[in-house]
């Protein structure tokens, strides 16, 4: 039995398609633009923002989908031809990965105590609790 789809995930997939089914290049104003260039134009160049795919809706608005690591969400921003943001949708990454969410060693940053890896990470030589 397949688990029930959450409202957030259903909203995203009904409007923009399944993750990864969008394009890697959009033609905006007749100019081909990759995901990184689109993200730069929207001021979305951060280490924890990972572009996934992009597309154009029937009404002409464009969208870019990305993973937002700080909040652990899949986010979609809609924008017009001038790169003005028209709206956004988001859902927790757990809606896609299910129980694997609890097995991942999430990276977190605390300004008072530096960087830690929850659950421990052998590569970093740190543990969750001290």
C-alpha atoms as a PDB file:
ATOM      1  CA  UNK A   1       0.000   0.000   0.000  1.00  0.00           C
ATOM      2  CA  UNK A   2       1.469   3.329  -1.043  1.00  0.00           C
ATOM      3  CA  UNK A   3       1.465   6.069   1.632  1.00  0.00           C
ATOM      4  CA  UNK A   4      -0.952   8.954   1.188  1.00  0.00           C
ATOM      5  CA  UNK A   5       0.452  12.006  -0.563  1.00  0.00           C
ATOM      6  CA  UNK A   6       0.536  15.160   1.555  1.00  0.00           C
ATOM      7  CA  UNK A   7      -1.312  18.288   0.462  1.00  0.00           C
ATOM      8  CA  UNK A   8       1.967  20.220   0.035  1.00  0.00           C
ATOM      9  CA  UNK A   9       3.505  17.613  -2.236  1.00  0.00           C
ATOM     10  CA  UNK A  10       0.272  17.132  -4.206  1.00  0.00           C
ATOM     11  CA  UNK A  11      -0.024  20.894  -4.758  1.00  0.00           C
ATOM     12  CA  UNK A  12       3.522  21.095  -6.101  1.00  0.00           C
ATOM     13  CA  UNK A  13       3.293  18.024  -8.319  1.00  0.00           C
ATOM     14  CA  UNK A  14      -0.110  18.919  -9.774  1.00  0.00           C
ATOM     15  CA  UNK A  15       1.053  22.413 -10.735  1.00  0.00           C
ATOM     16  CA  UNK A  16       4.689  21.774 -11.748  1.00  0.00           C
ATOM     17  CA  UNK A  17       4.947  18.010 -12.326  1.00  0.00           C
ATOM     18  CA  UNK A  18       6.919  15.346 -10.511  1.00  0.00           C
ATOM     19  CA  UNK A  19      10.342  16.376  -9.198  1.00  0.00           C
ATOM     20  CA  UNK A  20      12.915  16.290 -11.969  1.00  0.00           C
ATOM     21  CA  UNK A  21      10.436  16.342 -14.854  1.00  0.00           C
ATOM     22  CA  UNK A  22      10.898  20.051 -15.544  1.00  0.00           C
ATOM     23  CA  UNK A  23      13.602  21.448 -17.772  1.00  0.00           C
ATOM     24  CA  UNK A  24      17.239  22.199 -17.030  1.00  0.00           C
ATOM     25  CA  UNK A  25      17.184  25.118 -19.512  1.00  0.00           C
ATOM     26  CA  UNK A  26      14.464  27.719 -20.094  1.00  0.00           C
ATOM     27  CA  UNK A  27      14.225  30.177 -22.964  1.00  0.00           C
ATOM     28  CA  UNK A  28      13.475  33.515 -21.302  1.00  0.00           C
ATOM     29  CA  UNK A  29      13.078  36.404 -23.695  1.00  0.00           C
ATOM     30  CA  UNK A  30      14.480  34.156 -26.413  1.00  0.00           C
ATOM     31  CA  UNK A  31      17.688  33.560 -24.434  1.00  0.00           C
ATOM     32  CA  UNK A  32      18.517  30.050 -23.160  1.00  0.00           C
ATOM     33  CA  UNK A  33      19.203  30.056 -19.413  1.00  0.00           C
ATOM     34  CA  UNK A  34      20.334  27.181 -17.227  1.00  0.00           C
ATOM     35  CA  UNK A  35      19.129  26.676 -13.672  1.00  0.00           C
ATOM     36  CA  UNK A  36      22.178  28.356 -12.120  1.00  0.00           C
ATOM     37  CA  UNK A  37      21.734  31.494 -14.243  1.00  0.00           C
ATOM     38  CA  UNK A  38      18.015  31.634 -13.429  1.00  0.00           C
ATOM     39  CA  UNK A  39      18.829  31.250  -9.717  1.00  0.00           C
ATOM     40  CA  UNK A  40      21.410  34.064  -9.988  1.00  0.00           C
ATOM     41  CA  UNK A  41      18.873  36.377 -11.684  1.00  0.00           C
ATOM     42  CA  UNK A  42      16.447  35.665  -8.821  1.00  0.00           C
ATOM     43  CA  UNK A  43      19.190  36.237  -6.197  1.00  0.00           C
ATOM     44  CA  UNK A  44      19.008  32.580  -5.108  1.00  0.00           C
ATOM     45  CA  UNK A  45      22.708  31.709  -5.068  1.00  0.00           C
ATOM     46  CA  UNK A  46      23.282  30.200  -1.625  1.00  0.00           C
ATOM     47  CA  UNK A  47      25.043  26.994  -0.614  1.00  0.00           C
ATOM     48  CA  UNK A  48      21.851  25.477   0.779  1.00  0.00           C
ATOM     49  CA  UNK A  49      19.699  26.206  -2.314  1.00  0.00           C
ATOM     50  CA  UNK A  50      20.002  23.444  -4.898  1.00  0.00           C
ATOM     51  CA  UNK A  51      18.121  24.009  -8.186  1.00  0.00           C
ATOM     52  CA  UNK A  52      16.220  20.919  -9.374  1.00  0.00           C
ATOM     53  CA  UNK A  53      14.268  21.900 -12.486  1.00  0.00           C
ATOM     54  CA  UNK A  54      12.248  24.713 -14.064  1.00  0.00           C
ATOM     55  CA  UNK A  55       9.416  25.331 -16.498  1.00  0.00           C
ATOM     56  CA  UNK A  56       6.778  27.640 -17.909  1.00  0.00           C
ATOM     57  CA  UNK A  57       3.095  27.513 -16.980  1.00  0.00           C
ATOM     58  CA  UNK A  58       0.253  27.775 -19.504  1.00  0.00           C
ATOM     59  CA  UNK A  59      -0.393  31.404 -18.531  1.00  0.00           C
ATOM     60  CA  UNK A  60       3.213  32.384 -19.299  1.00  0.00           C
ATOM     61  CA  UNK A  61       4.642  32.551 -15.777  1.00  0.00           C
ATOM     62  CA  UNK A  62       7.898  30.683 -15.257  1.00  0.00           C
ATOM     63  CA  UNK A  63       8.954  28.608 -12.254  1.00  0.00           C
ATOM     64  CA  UNK A  64      12.074  27.155 -10.680  1.00  0.00           C
ATOM     65  CA  UNK A  65      12.053  24.284  -8.186  1.00  0.00           C
ATOM     66  CA  UNK A  66      14.882  23.848  -5.707  1.00  0.00           C
ATOM     67  CA  UNK A  67      15.804  22.106  -2.496  1.00  0.00           C
ATOM     68  CA  UNK A  68      16.178  24.550   0.393  1.00  0.00           C
ATOM     69  CA  UNK A  69      18.568  22.934   2.859  1.00  0.00           C
ATOM     70  CA  UNK A  70      18.127  25.202   5.860  1.00  0.00           C
ATOM     71  CA  UNK A  71      14.406  24.458   6.141  1.00  0.00           C
ATOM     72  CA  UNK A  72      14.720  21.030   4.433  1.00  0.00           C
ATOM     73  CA  UNK A  73      12.005  21.864   1.929  1.00  0.00           C
ATOM     74  CA  UNK A  74      11.303  21.554  -1.741  1.00  0.00           C
ATOM     75  CA  UNK A  75      10.402  25.074  -2.852  1.00  0.00           C
ATOM     76  CA  UNK A  76       9.021  26.427  -6.117  1.00  0.00           C
ATOM     77  CA  UNK A  77       9.162  30.106  -7.044  1.00  0.00           C
ATOM     78  CA  UNK A  78       7.026  31.498  -9.839  1.00  0.00           C
ATOM     79  CA  UNK A  79       8.345  34.539 -11.671  1.00  0.00           C
ATOM     80  CA  UNK A  80       7.589  36.644 -14.734  1.00  0.00           C
ATOM     81  CA  UNK A  81       9.773  37.530 -17.724  1.00  0.00           C
ATOM     82  CA  UNK A  82      11.368  40.377 -15.746  1.00  0.00           C
ATOM     83  CA  UNK A  83      12.279  38.009 -12.881  1.00  0.00           C
ATOM     84  CA  UNK A  84       9.693  39.496 -10.537  1.00  0.00           C
ATOM     85  CA  UNK A  85       8.558  36.835  -8.074  1.00  0.00           C
ATOM     86  CA  UNK A  86       4.857  36.082  -8.445  1.00  0.00           C
ATOM     87  CA  UNK A  87       4.432  33.427  -5.776  1.00  0.00           C
ATOM     88  CA  UNK A  88       5.895  30.390  -4.068  1.00  0.00           C
ATOM     89  CA  UNK A  89       4.954  26.906  -2.919  1.00  0.00           C
ATOM     90  CA  UNK A  90       6.840  24.615  -0.602  1.00  0.00           C
ATOM     91  CA  UNK A  91       6.641  21.252   1.112  1.00  0.00           C
ATOM     92  CA  UNK A  92       8.848  19.421   3.581  1.00  0.00           C
ATOM     93  CA  UNK A  93      11.393  17.087   1.977  1.00  0.00           C
ATOM     94  CA  UNK A  94       9.988  14.351   4.232  1.00  0.00           C
ATOM     95  CA  UNK A  95       6.935  14.320   1.934  1.00  0.00           C
ATOM     96  CA  UNK A  96       9.186  12.738  -0.727  1.00  0.00           C
ATOM     97  CA  UNK A  97      11.700  10.673   1.233  1.00  0.00           C
ATOM     98  CA  UNK A  98       9.461   9.376   4.032  1.00  0.00           C
ATOM     99  CA  UNK A  99      11.169   7.533   6.872  1.00  0.00           C
ATOM    100  CA  UNK A 100      14.600   7.996   5.248  1.00  0.00           C
ATOM    101  CA  UNK A 101      14.305  11.533   6.633  1.00  0.00           C
ATOM    102  CA  UNK A 102      15.151  10.150  10.070  1.00  0.00           C
ATOM    103  CA  UNK A 103      18.220   8.236   8.852  1.00  0.00           C
ATOM    104  CA  UNK A 104      19.957  11.168   7.156  1.00  0.00           C
ATOM    105  CA  UNK A 105      22.786  12.945   8.983  1.00  0.00           C
ATOM    106  CA  UNK A 106      21.524  16.529   8.598  1.00  0.00           C
ATOM    107  CA  UNK A 107      24.080  19.320   8.708  1.00  0.00           C
ATOM    108  CA  UNK A 108      23.141  22.139  11.076  1.00  0.00           C
ATOM    109  CA  UNK A 109      24.861  25.376  12.006  1.00  0.00           C
ATOM    110  CA  UNK A 110      24.693  27.107  15.364  1.00  0.00           C
ATOM    111  CA  UNK A 111      26.360  30.540  15.545  1.00  0.00           C
ATOM    112  CA  UNK A 112      27.265  29.978  19.201  1.00  0.00           C
ATOM    113  CA  UNK A 113      28.764  26.518  18.743  1.00  0.00           C
ATOM    114  CA  UNK A 114      29.858  26.154  15.134  1.00  0.00           C
ATOM    115  CA  UNK A 115      28.869  23.355  12.825  1.00  0.00           C
ATOM    116  CA  UNK A 116      27.562  19.945  13.912  1.00  0.00           C
ATOM    117  CA  UNK A 117      26.258  16.881  12.136  1.00  0.00           C
ATOM    118  CA  UNK A 118      23.160  15.488  13.831  1.00  0.00           C
ATOM    119  CA  UNK A 119      23.417  11.781  14.503  1.00  0.00           C
ATOM    120  CA  UNK A 120      27.171  11.857  14.060  1.00  0.00           C
ATOM    121  CA  UNK A 121      29.208  11.568  10.910  1.00  0.00           C
ATOM    122  CA  UNK A 122      32.289   9.383  10.665  1.00  0.00           C
ATOM    123  CA  UNK A 123      33.760  11.552   7.914  1.00  0.00           C
ATOM    124  CA  UNK A 124      33.629  14.629  10.140  1.00  0.00           C
ATOM    125  CA  UNK A 125      34.634  12.781  13.320  1.00  0.00           C
ATOM    126  CA  UNK A 126      31.785  14.278  15.339  1.00  0.00           C
ATOM    127  CA  UNK A 127      28.830  12.840  17.160  1.00  0.00           C
ATOM    128  CA  UNK A 128      25.367  14.139  17.827  1.00  0.00           C
ATOM    129  CA  UNK A 129      25.465  14.383  21.624  1.00  0.00           C
ATOM    130  CA  UNK A 130      28.498  15.219  23.738  1.00  0.00           C
END
